């Protein structure tokens, strides 16, 4: 959710909406852990995560934690760069075969 999408919502309503979306994921995937990322996770912090987890516990029998992100910056971009570097290394070094 973007900052514009949650503008005007109080924390309780936002937590309830997060839990509703999380429930859809839990019902299908049973992830065990959902991380609130981006601006929402950073600004809402542990308090928002705990409120959303309370709402989710009331809806779902599957035990699922909700936590706020601790990653600063653009985590998706950093993950993509690390993945690209790993693949590039694999491609470069797996293509080299020593001659015997």
Protein backbone atom coordinates (compact mmCIF):
# COMPACT_ATOMS: atom_id res chain seq x y z
CA UNK A 1 0.00 0.00 0.00
CA UNK A 2 1.24 3.44 -0.80
CA UNK A 3 1.17 6.38 1.57
CA UNK A 4 -1.62 7.91 -0.54
CA UNK A 5 -3.74 4.75 -0.24
CA UNK A 6 -3.68 4.82 3.56
CA UNK A 7 -4.03 8.55 4.00
CA UNK A 8 -6.96 9.34 6.26
CA UNK A 9 -7.14 5.87 7.85
CA UNK A 10 -6.56 5.52 11.55
CA UNK A 11 -4.10 2.85 12.73
CA UNK A 12 -6.83 0.40 13.77
CA UNK A 13 -8.55 0.54 10.37
CA UNK A 14 -5.21 0.20 8.58
CA UNK A 15 -4.28 -2.81 10.72
CA UNK A 16 -7.66 -4.42 9.96
CA UNK A 17 -7.16 -3.92 6.21
CA UNK A 18 -3.63 -5.35 6.37
CA UNK A 19 -4.96 -8.38 8.25
CA UNK A 20 -7.67 -8.89 5.66
CA UNK A 21 -5.10 -8.96 2.87
CA UNK A 22 -2.76 -11.13 4.92
CA UNK A 23 -5.59 -13.59 5.57
CA UNK A 24 -5.99 -14.16 1.83
CA UNK A 25 -2.30 -15.10 1.64
CA UNK A 26 -2.44 -17.25 4.77
CA UNK A 27 -5.48 -19.17 3.51
CA UNK A 28 -3.68 -20.15 0.31
CA UNK A 29 0.03 -20.22 1.17
CA UNK A 30 0.28 -20.72 4.97
CA UNK A 31 3.52 -18.67 5.11
CA UNK A 32 4.06 -18.58 8.88
CA UNK A 33 5.50 -15.06 8.61
CA UNK A 34 4.37 -11.93 6.80
CA UNK A 35 6.67 -8.90 6.68
CA UNK A 36 5.28 -5.40 6.32
CA UNK A 37 7.77 -3.85 3.95
CA UNK A 38 8.43 -0.49 2.42
CA UNK A 39 7.26 2.80 3.86
CA UNK A 40 4.28 1.16 5.53
CA UNK A 41 6.41 -1.27 7.50
CA UNK A 42 9.04 1.30 8.39
CA UNK A 43 6.61 4.00 9.50
CA UNK A 44 4.05 1.70 11.13
CA UNK A 45 6.71 -0.32 12.90
CA UNK A 46 6.10 -3.00 15.49
CA UNK A 47 2.93 -1.36 16.80
CA UNK A 48 1.14 -1.62 13.45
CA UNK A 49 2.46 -5.14 12.89
CA UNK A 50 1.16 -6.26 16.29
CA UNK A 51 -2.28 -4.73 15.69
CA UNK A 52 -2.51 -6.42 12.30
CA UNK A 53 -1.39 -9.73 13.86
CA UNK A 54 -4.17 -9.45 16.47
CA UNK A 55 -6.77 -8.98 13.73
CA UNK A 56 -5.29 -11.89 11.77
CA UNK A 57 -5.36 -14.20 14.81
CA UNK A 58 -9.09 -13.50 15.13
CA UNK A 59 -9.67 -14.52 11.50
CA UNK A 60 -7.28 -17.40 10.91
CA UNK A 61 -6.63 -20.66 12.73
CA UNK A 62 -3.16 -20.88 11.10
CA UNK A 63 -0.49 -19.35 13.34
CA UNK A 64 1.12 -16.52 11.38
CA UNK A 65 3.43 -13.79 12.62
CA UNK A 66 3.33 -10.29 11.18
CA UNK A 67 6.48 -8.21 11.59
CA UNK A 68 7.61 -4.81 10.41
CA UNK A 69 10.61 -4.69 8.11
CA UNK A 70 14.02 -3.88 9.49
CA UNK A 71 15.54 -3.37 6.02
CA UNK A 72 16.24 0.23 5.13
CA UNK A 73 16.20 1.54 1.58
CA UNK A 74 14.87 -0.33 -1.43
CA UNK A 75 15.01 -3.99 -0.39
CA UNK A 76 13.56 -5.26 -3.69
CA UNK A 77 16.22 -3.45 -5.71
CA UNK A 78 19.01 -4.71 -3.44
CA UNK A 79 17.69 -8.27 -3.70
CA UNK A 80 17.50 -8.02 -7.49
CA UNK A 81 21.07 -6.73 -7.72
CA UNK A 82 22.37 -9.52 -5.46
CA UNK A 83 20.51 -12.13 -7.50
CA UNK A 84 21.91 -10.72 -10.77
CA UNK A 85 25.44 -10.75 -9.35
CA UNK A 86 25.06 -14.37 -8.18
CA UNK A 87 23.84 -15.45 -11.61
CA UNK A 88 26.60 -13.54 -13.39
CA UNK A 89 29.23 -15.18 -11.16
CA UNK A 90 27.71 -18.60 -11.79
CA UNK A 91 27.65 -18.03 -15.54
CA UNK A 92 31.22 -16.76 -15.69
CA UNK A 93 32.82 -19.36 -13.46
CA UNK A 94 30.79 -22.37 -14.54
CA UNK A 95 31.68 -21.73 -18.20
CA UNK A 96 35.40 -22.06 -17.51
CA UNK A 97 36.59 -25.64 -17.65
CA UNK A 98 40.24 -26.44 -17.10
CA UNK A 99 42.04 -28.24 -19.94
CA UNK A 100 43.70 -31.53 -19.13
